[in-house]
Amino acid sequence: LPKFQSIHPPQLPPAMTSILSQLDASFASLESSLSAKLAGRDPSSSSSSSSPISYDEVLPALEKMQHPLGYAWSIASHLNGVKNTDELRKEYEANQPKVVQASMKFGQSKVLYDALSSLRTSWETADEEAATSSFLAAQRRRAVSNTLRSMTLQGVGLPVGSPEQVRFNEIKLRFAELSTAFSNNVLDATKAFGLTVTDPSDVEDVPESALAMWAEAHKRFLVKEAETEGDEEKKTEAEGMEVDAAKGPWRITLDGPSYIAAMQHMPNRDVRKKVYLGYLTRASEFTASEAEAEAEAEAADNKGEETKEEKAPIGKNNVLIIEEILKLRKEMAGLLGFDNYAEMSLASKMAPDVASVTNLSNLILEKALPAAQRELAAAT
């Protein structure tokens, strides 16, 4: 496992620069070798003839060179999700476009696509029984077929440098930006919510473990509040405060363990409702305005008038992000020749068409809705 405790945000840019530079050189070499073979030349000599392209020369070689990037970026993504800080978020967002562009380079490589197509054609013209006689051969065929399909959905068929390809790539980059913003907004809204409970009757019969968790959360809240206010005396007092799980106060947050414990054990219906609504409305129009005002104020304090010249932020309201994603999905699907994004999505799934999915959804709705309505009536 990675030594997460030894990984720090400033290490991300040089690491990604080194990995992407090596990846770019390795992929250029692979494309050169495959181009020579497709043209009937031997890339290792001046001979005008070469052996056919083999499976091991393409997908295994590609996977091997992609592994360092996938491994490093998965670590960065994990840390950004579970140990998010302003510094890490900044470095992550700065490097994300480079990773997306590297992915697009693989997905839109005409040489790679032609090499895989040539390989599939050679198998189709070979003896069918011999080609499918082993499990390994069948899996190789499937891997090649899936990769060709994936490349098609990544825009390999769009003319190089065409307005369609340029726009497609812009959409892919925007998707990455919106996805990260969406996750950050949920995380920020989760951190921002807190409900302090002081009445012991509100937590009657709640398990001791949950009470201890909420009491400790209240102490952390007081310490953080004092830090924000810059009040060292108040901070010292909060840090020295004795935590009493039985007497409280208790602070409920939207972090998974805290939220689930509240919904399962909190006897006070009004408290549960506040926590539940807080969870449902995270990063929505109900919480975004205040968060955006705070972010703008902080940016103004830190950078003054410079903020006016920067790119406008996406915003804290994920409803607007979802709406933009839906519009971009439809546009992207159209660029690839699909009537809608549902058709594009099903191109790589088992369902035969959109109508089949709709019919199944309607069938489930017909059976499930009456039961859900009965349960709602019983609960209210």
Protein backbone atom coordinates (compact mmCIF):
# COMPACT_ATOMS: atom_id res chain seq x y z
CA LEU A 1 0.00 0.00 0.00
CA PRO A 2 1.13 3.60 -0.56
CA LYS A 3 2.68 5.39 2.41
CA PHE A 4 -0.09 7.95 2.58
CA GLN A 5 1.36 9.69 5.63
CA SER A 6 4.49 10.53 3.62
CA ILE A 7 2.62 12.04 0.66
CA HIS A 8 2.21 15.83 0.59
CA PRO A 9 0.46 18.16 -1.92
CA PRO A 10 3.65 19.87 -3.21
CA GLN A 11 4.89 16.47 -4.41
CA LEU A 12 2.02 16.07 -6.86
CA PRO A 13 3.08 18.50 -9.66
CA PRO A 14 6.66 17.19 -10.11
CA ALA A 15 5.44 13.59 -9.87
CA MET A 16 2.78 14.08 -12.53
CA THR A 17 5.17 16.04 -14.78
CA SER A 18 7.71 13.22 -14.65
CA ILE A 19 5.14 10.47 -15.21
CA LEU A 20 3.36 12.27 -18.06
CA SER A 21 6.66 13.11 -19.77
CA GLN A 22 7.75 9.47 -19.68
CA LEU A 23 4.32 8.33 -20.79
CA ASP A 24 4.33 10.73 -23.73
CA ALA A 25 7.72 9.47 -24.91
CA SER A 26 6.75 5.81 -24.49
CA PHE A 27 3.48 6.23 -26.37
CA ALA A 28 5.18 8.12 -29.20
CA SER A 29 7.62 5.22 -29.54
CA LEU A 30 4.75 2.72 -29.57
CA GLU A 31 2.88 4.66 -32.23
CA SER A 32 6.03 4.87 -34.36
CA SER A 33 6.57 1.12 -34.11
CA LEU A 34 2.94 0.32 -34.92
CA SER A 35 2.91 2.78 -37.84
CA ALA A 36 5.92 1.08 -39.36
CA LYS A 37 4.32 -2.33 -39.05
CA LEU A 38 1.04 -1.11 -40.51
CA ALA A 39 3.02 0.25 -43.47
CA GLY A 40 4.74 -3.11 -43.92
CA ARG A 41 8.12 -1.96 -42.61
CA ASP A 42 10.29 -3.55 -39.95
CA PRO A 43 10.79 -0.84 -37.29
CA SER A 44 13.95 -2.51 -36.01
CA SER A 45 15.75 -2.54 -39.36
CA SER A 46 15.79 -1.01 -42.84
CA SER A 47 13.91 -3.99 -44.20
CA SER A 48 10.75 -3.24 -46.14
CA SER A 49 8.94 -6.28 -44.75
CA SER A 50 7.79 -6.96 -41.21
CA SER A 51 5.91 -9.57 -39.24
CA PRO A 52 2.19 -8.98 -38.51
CA ILE A 53 1.23 -7.00 -35.44
CA SER A 54 0.81 -9.26 -32.42
CA TYR A 55 -1.51 -8.83 -29.46
CA ASP A 56 1.38 -8.49 -27.00
CA GLU A 57 2.77 -5.56 -28.97
CA VAL A 58 -0.38 -3.53 -28.46
CA LEU A 59 -2.65 -3.88 -25.42
CA PRO A 60 -0.18 -5.39 -22.90
CA ALA A 61 2.43 -2.80 -23.92
CA LEU A 62 -0.16 -0.02 -23.60
CA GLU A 63 -1.34 -1.21 -20.20
CA LYS A 64 2.23 -1.39 -18.91
CA MET A 65 3.04 2.18 -19.88
CA GLN A 66 -0.29 3.50 -18.52
CA HIS A 67 0.09 1.84 -15.13
CA PRO A 68 2.31 4.49 -13.43
CA LEU A 69 -0.14 7.26 -14.32
CA GLY A 70 -3.17 5.28 -13.19
CA TYR A 71 -1.48 4.30 -9.93
CA ALA A 72 -0.25 7.80 -9.07
CA TRP A 73 -3.48 9.54 -10.01
CA SER A 74 -5.59 7.04 -8.06
CA ILE A 75 -3.57 7.89 -4.95
CA ALA A 76 -4.07 11.61 -5.54
CA SER A 77 -7.80 11.09 -6.11
CA HIS A 78 -8.14 9.02 -2.96
CA LEU A 79 -6.36 11.60 -0.82
CA ASN A 80 -8.42 14.40 -2.37
CA GLY A 81 -11.55 12.54 -1.33
CA VAL A 82 -10.63 11.51 2.21
CA LYS A 83 -8.05 14.10 3.30
CA ASN A 84 -9.11 17.13 1.34
CA THR A 85 -7.27 20.39 2.05
CA ASP A 86 -7.14 23.68 0.18
CA GLU A 87 -3.53 22.98 -0.84
CA LEU A 88 -4.24 19.47 -2.14
CA ARG A 89 -7.41 20.62 -3.89
CA LYS A 90 -5.46 23.34 -5.70
CA GLU A 91 -2.74 20.95 -6.89
CA TYR A 92 -5.27 18.30 -7.88
CA GLU A 93 -7.34 20.70 -9.96
CA ALA A 94 -4.21 22.08 -11.63
CA ASN A 95 -3.04 18.63 -12.74
CA GLN A 96 -6.39 17.09 -13.64
CA PRO A 97 -6.56 18.60 -17.18
CA LYS A 98 -3.14 17.10 -17.98
CA VAL A 99 -4.36 13.64 -16.96
CA VAL A 100 -7.55 14.01 -19.01
CA GLN A 101 -5.55 15.15 -22.05
CA ALA A 102 -3.25 12.13 -21.73
CA SER A 103 -6.30 9.87 -21.64
CA MET A 104 -7.73 11.56 -24.76
CA LYS A 105 -4.42 11.05 -26.57
CA PHE A 106 -4.73 7.29 -26.06
CA GLY A 107 -8.43 7.19 -26.87
CA GLN A 108 -8.09 9.21 -30.09
CA SER A 109 -4.92 7.63 -31.48
CA LYS A 110 -5.60 6.66 -35.10
CA VAL A 111 -2.47 4.52 -35.16
CA LEU A 112 -3.53 2.54 -32.12
CA TYR A 113 -7.05 2.12 -33.48
CA ASP A 114 -5.74 0.93 -36.86
CA ALA A 115 -3.36 -1.52 -35.18
CA LEU A 116 -6.16 -3.03 -33.11
CA SER A 117 -8.45 -3.17 -36.16
CA SER A 118 -5.70 -4.92 -38.12
CA LEU A 119 -5.29 -7.41 -35.30
CA ARG A 120 -9.02 -8.12 -35.18
CA THR A 121 -9.15 -8.52 -38.95
CA SER A 122 -6.28 -11.01 -38.90
CA TRP A 123 -8.14 -13.09 -36.33
CA GLU A 124 -11.37 -12.98 -38.35
CA THR A 125 -9.62 -14.26 -41.47
CA ALA A 126 -7.83 -16.99 -39.53
CA ASP A 127 -9.31 -20.41 -38.82
CA GLU A 128 -12.27 -19.61 -36.54
CA GLU A 129 -12.03 -22.83 -34.56
CA ALA A 130 -8.32 -22.37 -33.90
CA ALA A 131 -8.79 -18.71 -32.95
CA THR A 132 -11.42 -19.48 -30.31
CA SER A 133 -10.11 -22.83 -29.11
CA SER A 134 -8.72 -21.44 -25.86
CA PHE A 135 -9.99 -19.26 -23.06
CA LEU A 136 -6.99 -16.94 -23.50
CA ALA A 137 -7.72 -16.38 -27.19
CA ALA A 138 -11.36 -15.58 -26.43
CA GLN A 139 -10.36 -13.07 -23.76
CA ARG A 140 -7.89 -11.38 -26.10
CA ARG A 141 -10.58 -11.01 -28.72
CA ARG A 142 -12.90 -9.49 -26.14
CA ALA A 143 -10.21 -7.08 -24.91
CA VAL A 144 -9.50 -5.85 -28.43
CA SER A 145 -13.20 -5.49 -29.25
CA ASN A 146 -13.90 -3.56 -26.04
CA THR A 147 -10.94 -1.26 -26.59
CA LEU A 148 -12.02 -0.46 -30.13
CA ARG A 149 -15.52 0.32 -28.89
CA SER A 150 -14.15 2.48 -26.09
CA MET A 151 -11.98 4.42 -28.53
CA THR A 152 -14.97 4.98 -30.78
CA LEU A 153 -16.86 6.46 -27.82
CA GLN A 154 -13.82 8.62 -27.03
CA GLY A 155 -13.96 10.25 -30.44
CA VAL A 156 -11.29 8.42 -32.42
CA GLY A 157 -13.51 8.67 -35.50
CA LEU A 158 -13.63 12.46 -35.43
CA PRO A 159 -11.30 14.09 -37.98
CA VAL A 160 -8.07 15.30 -36.39
CA GLY A 161 -8.19 19.04 -35.74
CA SER A 162 -11.80 19.34 -36.89
CA PRO A 163 -14.23 21.63 -35.05
CA GLU A 164 -16.06 18.49 -33.91
CA GLN A 165 -12.95 16.99 -32.32
CA VAL A 166 -11.97 20.29 -30.72
CA ARG A 167 -15.42 20.68 -29.21
CA PHE A 168 -15.52 17.04 -28.09
CA ASN A 169 -12.24 17.46 -26.24
CA GLU A 170 -13.44 20.70 -24.67
CA ILE A 171 -16.48 18.84 -23.34
CA LYS A 172 -14.32 16.04 -21.90
CA LEU A 173 -12.18 18.56 -20.05
CA ARG A 174 -15.26 20.36 -18.80
CA PHE A 175 -16.71 17.07 -17.56
CA ALA A 176 -13.62 16.49 -15.43
CA GLU A 177 -13.82 20.02 -14.05
CA LEU A 178 -17.52 19.71 -13.24
CA SER A 179 -17.08 16.29 -11.64
CA THR A 180 -14.38 17.57 -9.31
CA ALA A 181 -16.41 20.67 -8.46
CA PHE A 182 -19.45 18.49 -7.72
CA SER A 183 -17.47 16.33 -5.28
CA ASN A 184 -15.85 19.35 -3.64
CA ASN A 185 -19.23 21.01 -3.17
CA VAL A 186 -20.67 17.94 -1.45
CA LEU A 187 -17.60 17.69 0.76
CA ASP A 188 -17.73 21.40 1.66
CA ALA A 189 -21.45 21.25 2.43
CA THR A 190 -20.94 18.15 4.56
CA LYS A 191 -18.23 19.90 6.56
CA ALA A 192 -20.28 23.07 6.95
CA PHE A 193 -23.30 21.44 8.57
CA GLY A 194 -23.50 20.89 12.31
CA LEU A 195 -26.34 20.66 14.80
CA THR A 196 -25.63 21.06 18.50
CA VAL A 197 -27.95 19.23 20.90
CA THR A 198 -28.01 20.22 24.59
CA ASP A 199 -31.18 18.60 25.96
CA PRO A 200 -30.48 15.11 27.41
CA SER A 201 -34.05 14.05 26.63
CA ASP A 202 -33.28 14.46 22.93
CA VAL A 203 -30.65 11.72 23.12
CA GLU A 204 -32.41 9.36 25.49
CA ASP A 205 -31.58 5.68 24.86
CA VAL A 206 -29.00 6.59 22.20
CA PRO A 207 -26.03 4.15 22.29
CA GLU A 208 -23.04 5.34 24.31
CA SER A 209 -20.74 5.03 21.31
CA ALA A 210 -22.85 7.53 19.36
CA LEU A 211 -23.02 9.93 22.32
CA ALA A 212 -19.25 9.79 22.72
CA MET A 213 -18.78 10.50 19.02
CA TRP A 214 -21.11 13.50 19.11
CA ALA A 215 -19.60 14.87 22.33
CA GLU A 216 -16.10 14.68 20.85
CA ALA A 217 -17.40 16.36 17.69
CA HIS A 218 -18.68 19.25 19.79
CA LYS A 219 -15.28 19.71 21.38
CA ARG A 220 -13.59 19.75 17.95
CA PHE A 221 -16.14 22.30 16.80
CA LEU A 222 -15.34 24.63 19.70
CA VAL A 223 -11.60 24.33 19.03
CA LYS A 224 -12.05 25.07 15.34
CA GLU A 225 -14.38 27.97 16.07
CA ALA A 226 -11.80 29.52 18.37
CA GLU A 227 -9.09 29.05 15.73
CA THR A 228 -11.26 30.79 13.14
CA GLU A 229 -11.86 33.70 15.49
CA GLY A 230 -8.17 33.86 16.38
CA ASP A 231 -9.02 33.63 20.09
CA GLU A 232 -6.13 31.71 21.69
CA GLU A 233 -7.65 31.87 25.16
CA LYS A 234 -10.90 30.41 23.97
CA LYS A 235 -9.01 27.74 22.01
CA THR A 236 -6.97 26.70 25.05
CA GLU A 237 -10.15 26.49 27.10
CA ALA A 238 -11.86 24.34 24.46
CA GLU A 239 -8.86 22.00 24.15
CA GLY A 240 -8.86 21.46 27.92
CA MET A 241 -12.58 20.83 28.12
CA GLU A 242 -13.65 17.48 29.58
CA VAL A 243 -15.77 15.48 27.18
CA ASP A 244 -18.80 13.95 28.90
CA ALA A 245 -20.73 11.62 26.61
CA ALA A 246 -23.59 11.32 29.09
CA LYS A 247 -24.11 15.05 29.72
CA GLY A 248 -23.10 16.56 26.39
CA PRO A 249 -23.36 18.90 24.60
CA TRP A 250 -23.45 16.79 21.46
CA ARG A 251 -22.84 17.91 17.89
CA ILE A 252 -24.29 15.96 14.98
CA THR A 253 -22.61 16.28 11.60
CA LEU A 254 -23.30 14.86 8.14
CA ASP A 255 -20.28 12.57 8.18
CA GLY A 256 -21.43 9.01 7.56
CA PRO A 257 -21.12 7.53 11.07
CA SER A 258 -22.63 10.61 12.75
CA TYR A 259 -25.51 10.93 10.27
CA ILE A 260 -26.45 7.24 10.32
CA ALA A 261 -26.36 7.11 14.13
CA ALA A 262 -28.68 10.13 14.31
CA MET A 263 -31.16 8.69 11.84
CA GLN A 264 -31.19 5.29 13.55
CA HIS A 265 -31.20 6.25 17.24
CA MET A 266 -32.20 9.90 17.76
CA PRO A 267 -35.63 9.83 19.48
CA ASN A 268 -36.47 13.49 18.78
CA ARG A 269 -38.28 13.65 15.45
CA ASP A 270 -37.54 17.35 14.92
CA VAL A 271 -33.80 16.78 15.33
CA ARG A 272 -33.89 13.89 12.90
CA LYS A 273 -35.77 16.05 10.40
CA LYS A 274 -33.17 18.84 10.57
CA VAL A 275 -30.33 16.38 10.08
CA TYR A 276 -32.15 14.59 7.26
CA LEU A 277 -32.97 17.81 5.40
CA GLY A 278 -29.40 18.98 5.90
CA TYR A 279 -28.19 15.79 4.26
CA LEU A 280 -30.65 15.95 1.36
CA THR A 281 -29.96 19.60 0.54
CA ARG A 282 -26.15 19.46 0.56
CA ALA A 283 -24.64 21.57 -2.23
CA SER A 284 -28.07 22.59 -3.55
CA GLU A 285 -29.80 25.90 -4.09
CA PHE A 286 -30.79 25.75 -0.41
CA THR A 287 -27.18 25.84 0.82
CA ALA A 288 -25.18 27.29 -2.07
CA SER A 289 -25.81 31.02 -1.63
CA GLU A 290 -24.28 31.27 1.83
CA ALA A 291 -21.32 29.07 0.86
CA GLU A 292 -20.64 31.10 -2.28
CA ALA A 293 -20.81 34.37 -0.37
CA GLU A 294 -18.26 33.07 2.12
CA ALA A 295 -15.99 31.83 -0.68
CA GLU A 296 -16.16 35.15 -2.51
CA ALA A 297 -15.39 37.06 0.67
CA GLU A 298 -12.42 34.84 1.43
CA ALA A 299 -11.10 35.18 -2.13
CA ALA A 300 -11.45 38.95 -1.95
CA ASP A 301 -9.57 39.04 1.35
CA ASN A 302 -6.76 36.91 -0.04
CA LYS A 303 -6.36 38.39 -3.51
CA GLY A 304 -8.18 41.69 -3.54
CA GLU A 305 -9.08 43.02 -6.97
CA GLU A 306 -7.17 40.21 -8.76
CA THR A 307 -10.17 37.92 -8.38
CA LYS A 308 -12.12 39.96 -10.94
CA GLU A 309 -9.72 38.91 -13.70
CA GLU A 310 -9.86 35.21 -12.92
CA LYS A 311 -12.16 32.65 -14.47
CA ALA A 312 -15.61 32.66 -12.89
CA PRO A 313 -16.03 29.80 -10.41
CA ILE A 314 -18.43 26.99 -11.19
CA GLY A 315 -20.41 27.66 -8.03
CA LYS A 316 -21.57 25.71 -5.00
CA ASN A 317 -24.97 24.67 -6.35
CA ASN A 318 -24.72 21.14 -7.72
CA VAL A 319 -28.16 21.39 -9.31
CA LEU A 320 -26.70 23.83 -11.84
CA ILE A 321 -23.72 21.51 -12.37
CA ILE A 322 -26.06 18.60 -13.08
CA GLU A 323 -27.99 20.69 -15.58
CA GLU A 324 -24.79 21.62 -17.41
CA ILE A 325 -23.60 18.02 -17.43
CA LEU A 326 -26.88 16.88 -18.99
CA LYS A 327 -26.61 19.52 -21.73
CA LEU A 328 -23.00 18.61 -22.47
CA ARG A 329 -23.81 14.89 -22.55
CA LYS A 330 -26.46 15.48 -25.20
CA GLU A 331 -24.07 17.60 -27.24
CA MET A 332 -21.27 15.04 -26.95
CA ALA A 333 -23.58 12.20 -27.99
CA GLY A 334 -24.60 14.20 -31.05
CA LEU A 335 -20.98 14.70 -32.06
CA LEU A 336 -20.57 10.91 -32.10
CA GLY A 337 -23.73 10.33 -34.14
CA PHE A 338 -26.14 9.30 -31.37
CA ASP A 339 -29.61 10.74 -30.97
CA ASN A 340 -29.13 11.15 -27.22
CA TYR A 341 -26.76 10.29 -24.40
CA ALA A 342 -28.81 7.26 -23.37
CA GLU A 343 -28.02 5.63 -26.73
CA MET A 344 -24.34 6.44 -26.29
CA SER A 345 -24.30 4.99 -22.79
CA LEU A 346 -25.99 1.77 -23.89
CA ALA A 347 -23.38 1.24 -26.62
CA SER A 348 -21.17 -0.33 -23.95
CA LYS A 349 -23.89 -2.03 -21.90
CA MET A 350 -25.93 -5.23 -22.10
CA ALA A 351 -29.33 -3.59 -22.61
CA PRO A 352 -30.22 -3.66 -26.34
CA ASP A 353 -31.82 -0.22 -26.62
CA VAL A 354 -33.35 2.73 -24.75
CA ALA A 355 -36.88 1.34 -25.12
CA SER A 356 -35.91 -1.83 -23.27
CA VAL A 357 -34.52 0.16 -20.36
CA THR A 358 -37.63 2.34 -20.26
CA ASN A 359 -39.91 -0.70 -20.26
CA LEU A 360 -37.99 -2.32 -17.41
CA SER A 361 -38.05 0.92 -15.39
CA ASN A 362 -41.81 1.24 -15.91
CA LEU A 363 -42.33 -2.38 -14.87
CA ILE A 364 -40.38 -1.83 -11.64
CA LEU A 365 -42.28 1.41 -10.99
CA GLU A 366 -45.62 -0.35 -11.44
CA LYS A 367 -44.70 -2.98 -8.85
CA ALA A 368 -42.71 -0.88 -6.39
CA LEU A 369 -44.69 2.37 -6.16
CA PRO A 370 -47.77 0.95 -4.38
CA ALA A 371 -45.54 -0.71 -1.77
CA ALA A 372 -43.57 2.52 -1.27
CA GLN A 373 -46.79 4.48 -0.83
CA ARG A 374 -48.02 2.01 1.80
CA GLU A 375 -44.74 2.27 3.71
CA LEU A 376 -44.86 6.07 3.59
CA ALA A 377 -48.41 6.09 4.89
CA ALA A 378 -47.46 3.77 7.74
CA ALA A 379 -44.45 5.90 8.69
CA THR A 380 -46.31 9.22 8.66
